[in-house]
Amino acid sequence: MRTIFVYLHRWVGLTIAAFLFVTGLTGAIISWDHELDAWLNPHLVETQTQGTPHPVLEIIQSIEQKYPEMEVLYAPLITEKGHALELFVAPKTNPETGELYPAHFNQIFIDPVSKKELGTRYWGTVWPITTENFVSFLYVLHYSLHIPEMWGIDRWGVWLLGIIALLWTLDCFSGFILTLPRRQRKKPAAQSLKSWWQRWKPAWLIRWRAGGYKLNFDLHRAFSLWTWGLLFVVAFTAFSLNLYREVFYPVMTLVSDVTPSPYDSRIPTADNQYITPLISKAAIIAKAKEQAGTHGWQEPASSIFYARNFGIYRIEFSNPEDGHGAGGVGHKALYFDSSDGRELGSFEPWKGTAADIFVQAQFPVHSGRILGLPGRILISGMGLVIAMLSVTGVIIWLKKRKARNLKKRKTP
């Protein structure tokens, strides 16, 4: 049986090593995405203009007039002093060709007081890499490797890393089993537990002065044991996030009572066949504020997002100091149909069935935001550990492969 686990851990580990090295390093960096982006691009995110900010809907209207081939899909509804307004935009469909207009940017930064355009950038672009898109480049690399669209599907990279994460989740168990001491044929019953721990204890230790192969082996084994729980959690949540619609959510609905979101009940359209809203942003915001009162929410409307491939508006409610919401799970939100304006559902952090809360926890746990700043530090450190385990694992295989080949040559 041990031989089977050796082969599984060896070949699964070699299959996923390069991917985990990349995602580990990028994950360690993007744990600080907002802080790093603000440090690299103060000219985009900071403003010095004094005065009263213009209404956000007025700014959105002026942007869409300036760029008639673009549509604003996301906008904050609350402006903060000293901070630019960050708008996400997407190209409309060219009626002559039936394809989307070429887009050289998908994000616009506006001074809310002067309405001056501070700059544009393409979030997540592959090339060229500049200080303006460096963080987003790493972010997309982390979850999709920037694998391009093929045959009309742009999720190949997401699916690939989802499969890698699933293999990694399963490999956590084979790796753990291999650290356990081998079974002894004859052992006194009185010494069974104590002797078993004495034989397993070296697996938790690192021979720092051993050097060479022994140190490399100990780093791989000991760090895997000490961080095993975190490795499993990061692997599982990576799988659940990348294969959410394809595997995770359907399985959850089979084994537990999960409340579907409005997105889960609709099939997205093609990018160039998006749903044009019949209800304006202003009308939806007004209705959302009215509906929020019936839910007993006191927070102001803080952002609007239009998922045009689903035909759904999402209006969030939060205070400026709320950040990413309670434990990083997001803010309260209402969903509306863009065709008739009817409410499709609501979202409240950490509320619902046990399965709902488990589903909500996937990103906060994966990013470490569920524990606030200490959690982000922990996940950033785990990214470095994951990269290190990938390298040491490959070195162990190369050393053993070299030893096996040498033994074969010496054997008559």
Protein backbone atom coordinates (compact mmCIF):
# COMPACT_ATOMS: atom_id res chain seq x y z
CA MET A 1 0.00 0.00 0.00
CA ARG A 2 2.81 2.40 0.84
CA THR A 3 4.28 1.87 -2.62
CA ILE A 4 1.00 3.04 -4.16
CA PHE A 5 1.08 6.25 -2.11
CA VAL A 6 4.71 6.80 -3.09
CA TYR A 7 3.84 6.65 -6.79
CA LEU A 8 0.76 8.83 -6.33
CA HIS A 9 2.63 11.50 -4.40
CA ARG A 10 5.58 11.42 -6.79
CA TRP A 11 3.71 11.78 -10.07
CA VAL A 12 0.89 14.00 -8.86
CA GLY A 13 3.49 16.21 -7.16
CA LEU A 14 5.57 16.46 -10.33
CA THR A 15 2.43 17.25 -12.35
CA ILE A 16 1.36 20.15 -10.15
CA ALA A 17 4.77 21.45 -8.95
CA ALA A 18 5.30 24.15 -11.58
CA PHE A 19 1.73 25.39 -11.26
CA LEU A 20 1.95 25.59 -7.46
CA PHE A 21 5.26 27.43 -7.66
CA VAL A 22 3.66 30.15 -9.81
CA THR A 23 0.42 30.38 -7.85
CA GLY A 24 2.27 30.29 -4.53
CA LEU A 25 4.53 33.21 -5.38
CA THR A 26 1.75 35.26 -6.96
CA GLY A 27 -0.55 34.50 -4.04
CA ALA A 28 2.06 35.77 -1.58
CA ILE A 29 2.13 39.09 -3.45
CA ILE A 30 -1.54 39.66 -4.26
CA SER A 31 -2.47 39.26 -0.61
CA TRP A 32 -1.50 42.95 -0.61
CA ASP A 33 -3.05 43.86 -3.95
CA HIS A 34 -4.80 47.07 -2.95
CA GLU A 35 -1.89 48.41 -0.91
CA LEU A 36 0.64 47.55 -3.61
CA ASP A 37 -1.50 49.03 -6.38
CA ALA A 38 -1.96 52.29 -4.44
CA TRP A 39 1.81 52.48 -3.80
CA LEU A 40 2.67 51.90 -7.46
CA ASN A 41 -0.02 54.15 -8.93
CA PRO A 42 -0.73 57.19 -6.75
CA HIS A 43 -1.33 59.22 -9.92
CA LEU A 44 -4.39 57.08 -10.61
CA VAL A 45 -5.92 56.48 -7.19
CA GLU A 46 -5.16 59.70 -5.32
CA THR A 47 -6.62 63.18 -5.79
CA GLN A 48 -5.77 66.60 -4.33
CA THR A 49 -8.71 68.66 -5.59
CA GLN A 50 -10.72 70.37 -2.88
CA GLY A 51 -14.46 70.84 -3.12
CA THR A 52 -17.76 69.02 -3.36
CA PRO A 53 -17.79 65.80 -5.43
CA HIS A 54 -20.13 65.58 -8.41
CA PRO A 55 -22.91 62.97 -8.30
CA VAL A 56 -21.61 59.62 -9.45
CA LEU A 57 -24.44 59.09 -11.93
CA GLU A 58 -23.54 62.41 -13.54
CA ILE A 59 -19.93 61.25 -13.87
CA ILE A 60 -21.05 57.94 -15.39
CA GLN A 61 -23.18 59.79 -17.94
CA SER A 62 -20.28 62.03 -18.95
CA ILE A 63 -17.96 59.03 -19.36
CA GLU A 64 -20.43 57.19 -21.59
CA GLN A 65 -20.88 60.35 -23.66
CA LYS A 66 -17.13 60.72 -24.06
CA TYR A 67 -16.71 57.03 -24.95
CA PRO A 68 -19.94 56.09 -26.78
CA GLU A 69 -18.54 52.67 -27.68
CA MET A 70 -18.06 51.83 -23.97
CA GLU A 71 -20.49 51.06 -21.15
CA VAL A 72 -19.87 51.58 -17.42
CA LEU A 73 -20.54 48.28 -15.64
CA TYR A 74 -19.27 49.03 -12.14
CA ALA A 75 -19.05 52.23 -10.14
CA PRO A 76 -18.76 53.12 -6.46
CA LEU A 77 -21.67 55.26 -5.31
CA ILE A 78 -19.75 56.80 -2.40
CA THR A 79 -16.77 59.06 -3.02
CA GLU A 80 -14.01 59.39 -0.43
CA LYS A 81 -11.93 62.51 0.08
CA GLY A 82 -8.52 62.17 -1.55
CA HIS A 83 -9.52 59.07 -3.53
CA ALA A 84 -10.29 58.79 -7.23
CA LEU A 85 -13.47 57.22 -8.53
CA GLU A 86 -12.62 53.85 -10.11
CA LEU A 87 -15.01 52.80 -12.86
CA PHE A 88 -14.98 49.50 -14.74
CA VAL A 89 -16.14 49.69 -18.35
CA ALA A 90 -16.65 47.24 -21.21
CA PRO A 91 -17.01 47.68 -24.97
CA LYS A 92 -20.40 47.61 -26.63
CA THR A 93 -21.23 45.49 -29.66
CA ASN A 94 -20.51 47.01 -33.05
CA PRO A 95 -23.84 46.76 -34.92
CA GLU A 96 -22.03 46.53 -38.27
CA THR A 97 -19.83 43.56 -37.36
CA GLY A 98 -21.73 41.96 -34.49
CA GLU A 99 -18.49 41.88 -32.50
CA LEU A 100 -17.36 43.95 -29.56
CA TYR A 101 -15.59 47.22 -30.28
CA PRO A 102 -11.81 47.01 -29.71
CA ALA A 103 -11.02 48.06 -26.15
CA HIS A 104 -7.68 49.51 -25.07
CA PHE A 105 -8.78 49.90 -21.45
CA ASN A 106 -11.43 48.58 -19.09
CA GLN A 107 -10.89 50.86 -16.10
CA ILE A 108 -11.14 54.65 -15.82
CA PHE A 109 -10.01 56.81 -12.91
CA ILE A 110 -11.89 60.08 -12.36
CA ASP A 111 -11.38 62.95 -9.94
CA PRO A 112 -14.90 63.16 -8.45
CA VAL A 113 -14.54 66.88 -7.66
CA SER A 114 -13.20 68.21 -10.98
CA LYS A 115 -14.51 65.30 -13.15
CA LYS A 116 -11.02 65.20 -14.66
CA GLU A 117 -9.92 61.90 -16.13
CA LEU A 118 -6.78 60.82 -14.26
CA GLY A 119 -6.00 57.87 -16.49
CA THR A 120 -7.12 54.56 -17.93
CA ARG A 121 -5.71 51.05 -17.87
CA TYR A 122 -6.55 47.53 -18.92
CA TRP A 123 -6.98 45.50 -15.73
CA GLY A 124 -5.46 42.03 -16.16
CA THR A 125 -3.67 42.60 -19.46
CA VAL A 126 -0.80 40.32 -20.42
CA TRP A 127 1.52 42.77 -22.18
CA PRO A 128 3.12 45.21 -21.80
CA ILE A 129 3.60 44.91 -18.06
CA THR A 130 3.81 48.32 -16.42
CA THR A 131 3.45 49.66 -12.91
CA GLU A 132 -0.19 50.41 -13.73
CA ASN A 133 -1.17 46.83 -14.57
CA PHE A 134 1.48 44.88 -12.62
CA VAL A 135 -0.82 43.89 -9.76
CA SER A 136 -3.69 42.90 -12.03
CA PHE A 137 -1.28 40.91 -14.22
CA LEU A 138 -0.24 38.88 -11.17
CA TYR A 139 -3.87 38.51 -10.06
CA VAL A 140 -5.01 36.99 -13.36
CA LEU A 141 -1.84 34.90 -13.55
CA HIS A 142 -2.69 33.52 -10.11
CA TYR A 143 -6.08 32.07 -11.04
CA SER A 144 -5.91 31.51 -14.82
CA LEU A 145 -2.25 31.70 -15.99
CA HIS A 146 -3.40 34.14 -18.70
CA ILE A 147 -4.30 31.21 -20.96
CA PRO A 148 -6.09 32.88 -23.91
CA GLU A 149 -9.56 32.26 -25.24
CA MET A 150 -9.84 29.27 -27.57
CA TRP A 151 -12.90 28.06 -29.48
CA GLY A 152 -14.99 30.80 -27.93
CA ILE A 153 -14.15 29.75 -24.34
CA ASP A 154 -12.05 31.99 -22.10
CA ARG A 155 -11.97 29.78 -18.99
CA TRP A 156 -9.33 27.23 -19.98
CA GLY A 157 -6.82 28.59 -17.47
CA VAL A 158 -9.43 28.74 -14.70
CA TRP A 159 -10.43 25.13 -15.37
CA LEU A 160 -6.82 23.96 -15.58
CA LEU A 161 -5.87 25.46 -12.23
CA GLY A 162 -9.12 24.15 -10.76
CA ILE A 163 -8.10 20.61 -11.76
CA ILE A 164 -4.59 21.22 -10.42
CA ALA A 165 -6.12 22.37 -7.11
CA LEU A 166 -8.29 19.23 -6.96
CA LEU A 167 -5.24 17.00 -7.53
CA TRP A 168 -3.39 19.00 -4.87
CA THR A 169 -6.24 18.52 -2.39
CA LEU A 170 -6.11 14.75 -2.87
CA ASP A 171 -2.30 14.72 -2.83
CA CYS A 172 -2.32 16.31 0.62
CA PHE A 173 -3.49 12.96 2.02
CA SER A 174 -0.95 10.79 0.20
CA GLY A 175 1.85 13.13 1.29
CA PHE A 176 0.68 13.03 4.90
CA ILE A 177 0.46 9.23 4.91
CA LEU A 178 4.05 8.94 3.66
CA THR A 179 5.31 10.85 6.71
CA LEU A 180 3.88 8.22 9.05
CA PRO A 181 6.35 5.64 10.39
CA ARG A 182 6.39 2.25 8.76
CA ARG A 183 4.46 -0.47 10.51
CA GLN A 184 6.58 -2.75 12.68
CA ARG A 185 5.97 -6.46 12.40
CA LYS A 186 6.60 -7.12 16.09
CA LYS A 187 6.03 -4.50 18.76
CA PRO A 188 5.26 -4.79 22.49
CA ALA A 189 1.71 -3.63 23.24
CA ALA A 190 2.85 -1.50 26.18
CA GLN A 191 5.23 0.51 24.02
CA SER A 192 3.02 0.82 20.93
CA LEU A 193 1.91 4.46 21.20
CA LYS A 194 5.14 5.81 22.71
CA SER A 195 7.40 4.01 20.30
CA TRP A 196 5.18 5.00 17.38
CA TRP A 197 5.55 8.70 18.28
CA GLN A 198 9.31 8.33 18.75
CA ARG A 199 9.56 6.94 15.22
CA TRP A 200 7.30 9.67 13.79
CA LYS A 201 8.89 12.57 15.71
CA PRO A 202 11.90 12.98 13.33
CA ALA A 203 9.49 13.77 10.50
CA TRP A 204 8.56 17.00 12.30
CA LEU A 205 12.16 18.11 12.77
CA ILE A 206 14.68 19.79 10.45
CA ARG A 207 18.38 18.88 10.51
CA TRP A 208 19.60 22.39 9.81
CA ARG A 209 23.27 21.41 9.89
CA ALA A 210 22.90 18.34 7.73
CA GLY A 211 23.08 20.28 4.49
CA GLY A 212 22.50 19.02 0.97
CA TYR A 213 19.88 16.39 0.31
CA LYS A 214 18.99 15.74 3.96
CA LEU A 215 18.21 19.40 4.64
CA ASN A 216 16.17 19.66 1.44
CA PHE A 217 14.22 16.51 2.38
CA ASP A 218 13.56 17.74 5.93
CA LEU A 219 12.35 21.13 4.67
CA HIS A 220 9.90 19.40 2.37
CA ARG A 221 8.60 16.93 4.94
CA ALA A 222 8.60 19.04 8.11
CA PHE A 223 7.08 22.16 6.55
CA SER A 224 4.39 19.98 4.95
CA LEU A 225 3.52 18.50 8.35
CA TRP A 226 3.51 21.74 10.32
CA THR A 227 1.37 23.52 7.73
CA TRP A 228 -0.69 20.53 6.56
CA GLY A 229 -4.03 21.94 7.70
CA LEU A 230 -3.43 25.25 5.93
CA LEU A 231 -2.16 23.51 2.79
CA PHE A 232 -5.35 21.46 2.62
CA VAL A 233 -7.57 24.50 3.19
CA VAL A 234 -5.79 26.59 0.54
CA ALA A 235 -5.91 23.69 -1.95
CA PHE A 236 -9.60 22.95 -1.37
CA THR A 237 -10.70 26.59 -1.57
CA ALA A 238 -8.66 27.07 -4.76
CA PHE A 239 -10.56 24.15 -6.26
CA SER A 240 -13.95 25.44 -5.07
CA LEU A 241 -13.35 28.94 -6.42
CA ASN A 242 -12.04 27.92 -9.86
CA LEU A 243 -14.58 25.15 -10.47
CA TYR A 244 -17.50 26.76 -8.65
CA ARG A 245 -20.17 26.58 -11.35
CA GLU A 246 -18.80 23.40 -12.94
CA VAL A 247 -18.26 21.17 -9.88
CA PHE A 248 -18.41 22.79 -6.44
CA TYR A 249 -21.89 24.33 -6.50
CA PRO A 250 -23.61 21.34 -8.18
CA VAL A 251 -22.06 18.96 -5.62
CA MET A 252 -23.04 21.23 -2.73
CA THR A 253 -26.66 21.25 -3.91
CA LEU A 254 -26.65 17.44 -3.90
CA VAL A 255 -25.33 17.04 -0.36
CA SER A 256 -26.81 20.07 1.41
CA ASP A 257 -29.37 22.86 1.28
CA VAL A 258 -27.73 25.72 -0.63
CA THR A 259 -29.64 28.89 -1.46
CA PRO A 260 -28.91 29.70 -5.13
CA SER A 261 -27.89 33.23 -6.03
CA PRO A 262 -29.58 34.91 -9.01
CA TYR A 263 -26.46 34.12 -11.05
CA ASP A 264 -26.74 30.40 -10.28
CA SER A 265 -30.19 30.19 -11.86
CA ARG A 266 -29.17 31.79 -15.17
CA ILE A 267 -26.93 30.77 -18.04
CA PRO A 268 -24.60 33.60 -19.13
CA THR A 269 -24.77 34.86 -22.69
CA ALA A 270 -21.83 35.22 -25.05
CA ASP A 271 -19.75 38.36 -24.57
CA ASN A 272 -21.00 40.00 -27.75
CA GLN A 273 -24.62 38.99 -27.09
CA TYR A 274 -25.03 40.64 -23.71
CA ILE A 275 -28.41 41.79 -22.38
CA THR A 276 -29.08 45.51 -22.82
CA PRO A 277 -30.83 46.84 -19.69
CA LEU A 278 -34.29 48.33 -20.06
CA ILE A 279 -34.14 49.88 -16.59
CA SER A 280 -31.68 52.73 -16.03
CA LYS A 281 -29.04 52.76 -13.31
CA ALA A 282 -30.74 55.72 -11.63
CA ALA A 283 -34.08 53.89 -11.46
CA ILE A 284 -32.46 50.73 -10.07
CA ILE A 285 -30.51 52.66 -7.43
CA ALA A 286 -33.67 54.46 -6.32
CA LYS A 287 -35.57 51.19 -6.10
CA ALA A 288 -32.70 49.50 -4.26
CA LYS A 289 -32.64 52.22 -1.62
CA GLU A 290 -36.36 51.79 -1.12
CA GLN A 291 -36.08 48.01 -0.86
CA ALA A 292 -33.14 48.24 1.56
CA GLY A 293 -35.48 49.95 4.02
CA THR A 294 -37.85 46.99 3.91
CA HIS A 295 -34.90 44.74 4.82
CA GLY A 296 -34.04 47.00 7.75
CA TRP A 297 -30.63 47.95 6.36
CA GLN A 298 -29.19 51.24 7.54
CA GLU A 299 -26.06 51.36 5.36
CA PRO A 300 -26.06 53.62 2.28
CA ALA A 301 -25.91 52.28 -1.27
CA SER A 302 -22.16 52.00 -1.93
CA SER A 303 -21.76 50.51 -5.42
CA ILE A 304 -23.60 49.40 -8.53
CA PHE A 305 -22.60 46.54 -10.79
CA TYR A 306 -24.32 45.33 -13.94
CA ALA A 307 -23.64 41.72 -14.93
CA ARG A 308 -24.69 42.21 -18.51
CA ASN A 309 -24.21 38.57 -19.53
CA PHE A 310 -26.81 37.64 -16.89
CA GLY A 311 -29.02 40.73 -17.10
CA ILE A 312 -28.67 41.36 -13.37
CA TYR A 313 -28.00 44.52 -11.38
CA ARG A 314 -26.24 44.20 -8.01
CA ILE A 315 -26.47 47.13 -5.58
CA GLU A 316 -24.25 46.91 -2.49
CA PHE A 317 -24.84 48.65 0.83
CA SER A 318 -21.98 49.52 3.15
CA ASN A 319 -20.13 52.31 4.92
CA PRO A 320 -16.78 53.59 3.57
CA GLU A 321 -14.90 52.14 6.54
CA ASP A 322 -16.29 48.62 5.96
CA GLY A 323 -13.53 47.69 3.51
CA HIS A 324 -14.14 44.22 2.06
CA GLY A 325 -17.00 43.52 4.42
CA ALA A 326 -17.23 41.29 7.45
CA GLY A 327 -14.33 38.86 7.22
CA GLY A 328 -13.78 39.65 3.56
CA VAL A 329 -17.05 38.03 2.48
CA GLY A 330 -18.44 41.19 0.93
CA HIS A 331 -21.28 43.60 1.65
CA LYS A 332 -25.04 43.40 1.85
CA ALA A 333 -26.51 43.45 -1.63
CA LEU A 334 -29.75 43.41 -3.57
CA TYR A 335 -30.20 41.90 -7.04
CA PHE A 336 -32.57 43.22 -9.70
CA ASP A 337 -33.61 42.09 -13.14
CA SER A 338 -32.47 44.61 -15.75
CA SER A 339 -35.53 44.04 -17.95
CA ASP A 340 -38.39 44.71 -15.54
CA GLY A 341 -36.65 45.89 -12.35
CA ARG A 342 -38.04 43.17 -10.11
CA GLU A 343 -35.98 42.13 -7.09
CA LEU A 344 -34.31 38.77 -7.67
CA GLY A 345 -32.82 38.22 -4.25
CA SER A 346 -30.57 39.56 -1.54
CA PHE A 347 -27.26 38.78 0.10
CA GLU A 348 -26.22 39.26 3.72
CA PRO A 349 -22.77 38.27 4.96
CA TRP A 350 -22.62 35.15 7.11
CA LYS A 351 -26.36 34.52 6.96
CA GLY A 352 -28.32 31.60 5.55
CA THR A 353 -28.10 27.85 5.93
CA ALA A 354 -24.93 26.12 7.12
CA ALA A 355 -24.17 25.30 3.49
CA ASP A 356 -24.69 28.95 2.48
CA ILE A 357 -22.16 30.09 5.08
CA PHE A 358 -19.72 27.38 3.97
CA VAL A 359 -20.01 28.59 0.36
CA GLN A 360 -19.56 32.22 1.43
CA ALA A 361 -16.42 31.32 3.38
CA GLN A 362 -14.45 30.00 0.40
CA PHE A 363 -12.87 33.28 -0.76
CA PRO A 364 -12.41 34.83 2.73
CA VAL A 365 -10.63 31.66 3.85
CA HIS A 366 -8.54 31.34 0.68
CA SER A 367 -7.42 34.97 0.86
CA GLY A 368 -6.98 34.99 4.65
CA ARG A 369 -9.27 38.01 4.96
CA ILE A 370 -11.51 36.06 7.28
CA LEU A 371 -8.89 36.74 9.99
CA GLY A 372 -8.18 40.32 8.95
CA LEU A 373 -4.58 41.52 8.76
CA PRO A 374 -3.12 38.46 10.60
CA GLY A 375 -4.89 36.19 8.10
CA ARG A 376 -3.47 38.04 5.12
CA ILE A 377 0.04 37.80 6.61
CA LEU A 378 -0.49 34.08 7.18
CA ILE A 379 -1.70 33.44 3.62
CA SER A 380 1.14 35.51 2.19
CA GLY A 381 3.61 33.36 4.14
CA MET A 382 1.84 30.20 2.98
CA GLY A 383 2.35 31.29 -0.62
CA LEU A 384 6.10 31.25 -0.04
CA VAL A 385 5.85 27.88 1.72
CA ILE A 386 3.93 26.41 -1.22
CA ALA A 387 6.55 27.65 -3.67
CA MET A 388 9.32 26.21 -1.48
CA LEU A 389 7.60 22.82 -1.21
CA SER A 390 7.27 22.69 -5.00
CA VAL A 391 11.00 23.27 -5.49
CA THR A 392 12.15 20.89 -2.74
CA GLY A 393 9.80 18.19 -4.01
CA VAL A 394 11.28 18.34 -7.49
CA ILE A 395 14.82 18.27 -6.07
CA ILE A 396 13.99 15.15 -4.04
CA TRP A 397 12.71 13.44 -7.18
CA LEU A 398 15.79 14.43 -9.21
CA LYS A 399 18.15 13.13 -6.49
CA LYS A 400 16.32 9.81 -6.18
CA ARG A 401 16.08 9.45 -9.94
CA LYS A 402 19.81 10.00 -10.25
CA ALA A 403 20.43 7.41 -7.52
CA ARG A 404 18.16 4.86 -9.22
CA ASN A 405 19.85 5.33 -12.59
CA LEU A 406 23.26 4.97 -10.99
CA LYS A 407 22.18 1.75 -9.29
CA LYS A 408 20.90 0.35 -12.58
CA ARG A 409 24.22 1.04 -14.29
CA LYS A 410 26.13 -0.70 -11.53
CA THR A 411 23.86 -3.75 -11.51
CA PRO A 412 25.21 -6.48 -13.85
